[in-house]
């Protein structure tokens, strides 16, 4: 087997590998987008009161001590790290 034949086979194998990865990525994008549509459709069936608000968490009576602890911790941090 000559160098040119080996380079030819290497090129074919490389292109085949790139094609397989590209095809897998295309299939993965299609599957994920379809799953997103399915989950959005299933989520739209819930009443509005049951849906979570993304990006925020509801404040409950159980979270008051946590909020107080965080407030104290931030105050102590600001007091001990004053600039100037």
Protein backbone atom coordinates (compact mmCIF):
# COMPACT_ATOMS: atom_id res chain seq x y z
CA UNK A 1 0.00 0.00 0.00
CA UNK A 2 1.49 3.32 -1.05
CA UNK A 3 1.40 6.62 0.79
CA UNK A 4 -1.12 8.03 -1.69
CA UNK A 5 -3.51 5.12 -1.14
CA UNK A 6 -3.20 5.50 2.62
CA UNK A 7 -3.85 9.26 2.38
CA UNK A 8 -6.88 8.57 0.20
CA UNK A 9 -8.29 6.10 2.70
CA UNK A 10 -7.55 8.52 5.54
CA UNK A 11 -9.44 11.28 3.73
CA UNK A 12 -12.43 9.03 3.09
CA UNK A 13 -12.47 7.88 6.71
CA UNK A 14 -12.23 11.48 7.92
CA UNK A 15 -15.11 12.62 5.73
CA UNK A 16 -17.18 9.61 6.81
CA UNK A 17 -16.53 10.42 10.48
CA UNK A 18 -17.47 14.08 10.00
CA UNK A 19 -20.65 13.00 8.20
CA UNK A 20 -21.65 10.64 11.01
CA UNK A 21 -21.12 13.32 13.67
CA UNK A 22 -23.03 15.90 11.63
CA UNK A 23 -25.93 13.49 11.08
CA UNK A 24 -26.03 12.70 14.81
CA UNK A 25 -26.12 16.41 15.67
CA UNK A 26 -28.98 17.01 13.21
CA UNK A 27 -30.96 14.11 14.70
CA UNK A 28 -30.27 15.36 18.24
CA UNK A 29 -31.51 18.88 17.40
CA UNK A 30 -34.70 17.46 15.89
CA UNK A 31 -35.36 15.18 18.88
CA UNK A 32 -34.75 17.96 21.42
CA UNK A 33 -36.98 20.45 19.58
CA UNK A 34 -39.78 17.89 19.35
CA UNK A 35 -39.43 17.06 23.04
CA UNK A 36 -39.66 20.77 23.83
CA UNK A 37 -42.88 21.06 21.85
CA UNK A 38 -44.34 18.03 23.64
CA UNK A 39 -43.42 19.38 27.10
CA UNK A 40 -44.77 22.85 26.27
CA UNK A 41 -48.04 21.31 25.09
CA UNK A 42 -48.31 19.20 28.25
CA UNK A 43 -47.48 22.24 30.40
CA UNK A 44 -50.19 24.37 28.75
CA UNK A 45 -52.82 21.92 30.02
CA UNK A 46 -52.11 22.90 33.65
CA UNK A 47 -54.10 25.69 35.27
CA UNK A 48 -52.24 28.96 35.70
CA UNK A 49 -52.06 28.67 39.51
CA UNK A 50 -50.15 25.38 39.26
CA UNK A 51 -47.49 26.67 36.88
CA UNK A 52 -44.21 27.73 38.48
CA UNK A 53 -42.90 31.21 37.83
CA UNK A 54 -39.51 30.74 36.22
CA UNK A 55 -36.71 32.89 37.57
CA UNK A 56 -38.31 33.49 40.94
CA UNK A 57 -39.40 31.43 43.86
CA UNK A 58 -42.57 32.08 45.82
CA UNK A 59 -42.12 33.44 49.31
CA UNK A 60 -43.84 31.28 51.89
CA UNK A 61 -44.10 31.52 55.64
CA UNK A 62 -41.44 28.79 55.89
CA UNK A 63 -38.90 30.87 53.99
CA UNK A 64 -39.01 33.87 56.36
CA UNK A 65 -36.14 32.56 58.57
CA UNK A 66 -34.05 31.91 55.48
CA UNK A 67 -34.65 35.43 54.19
CA UNK A 68 -33.75 36.85 57.60
CA UNK A 69 -30.52 34.83 57.73
CA UNK A 70 -29.52 35.94 54.25
CA UNK A 71 -30.26 39.58 55.11
CA UNK A 72 -28.08 39.40 58.23
CA UNK A 73 -25.28 37.66 56.32
CA UNK A 74 -25.29 40.28 53.56
CA UNK A 75 -25.28 43.09 56.15
CA UNK A 76 -22.31 41.55 57.99
CA UNK A 77 -20.45 41.04 54.73
CA UNK A 78 -20.97 44.67 53.71
CA UNK A 79 -19.93 45.88 57.16
CA UNK A 80 -16.71 43.85 57.21
CA UNK A 81 -15.74 44.59 53.58
CA UNK A 82 -16.20 48.34 53.36
CA UNK A 83 -14.12 49.89 50.63
CA UNK A 84 -12.38 53.19 51.31
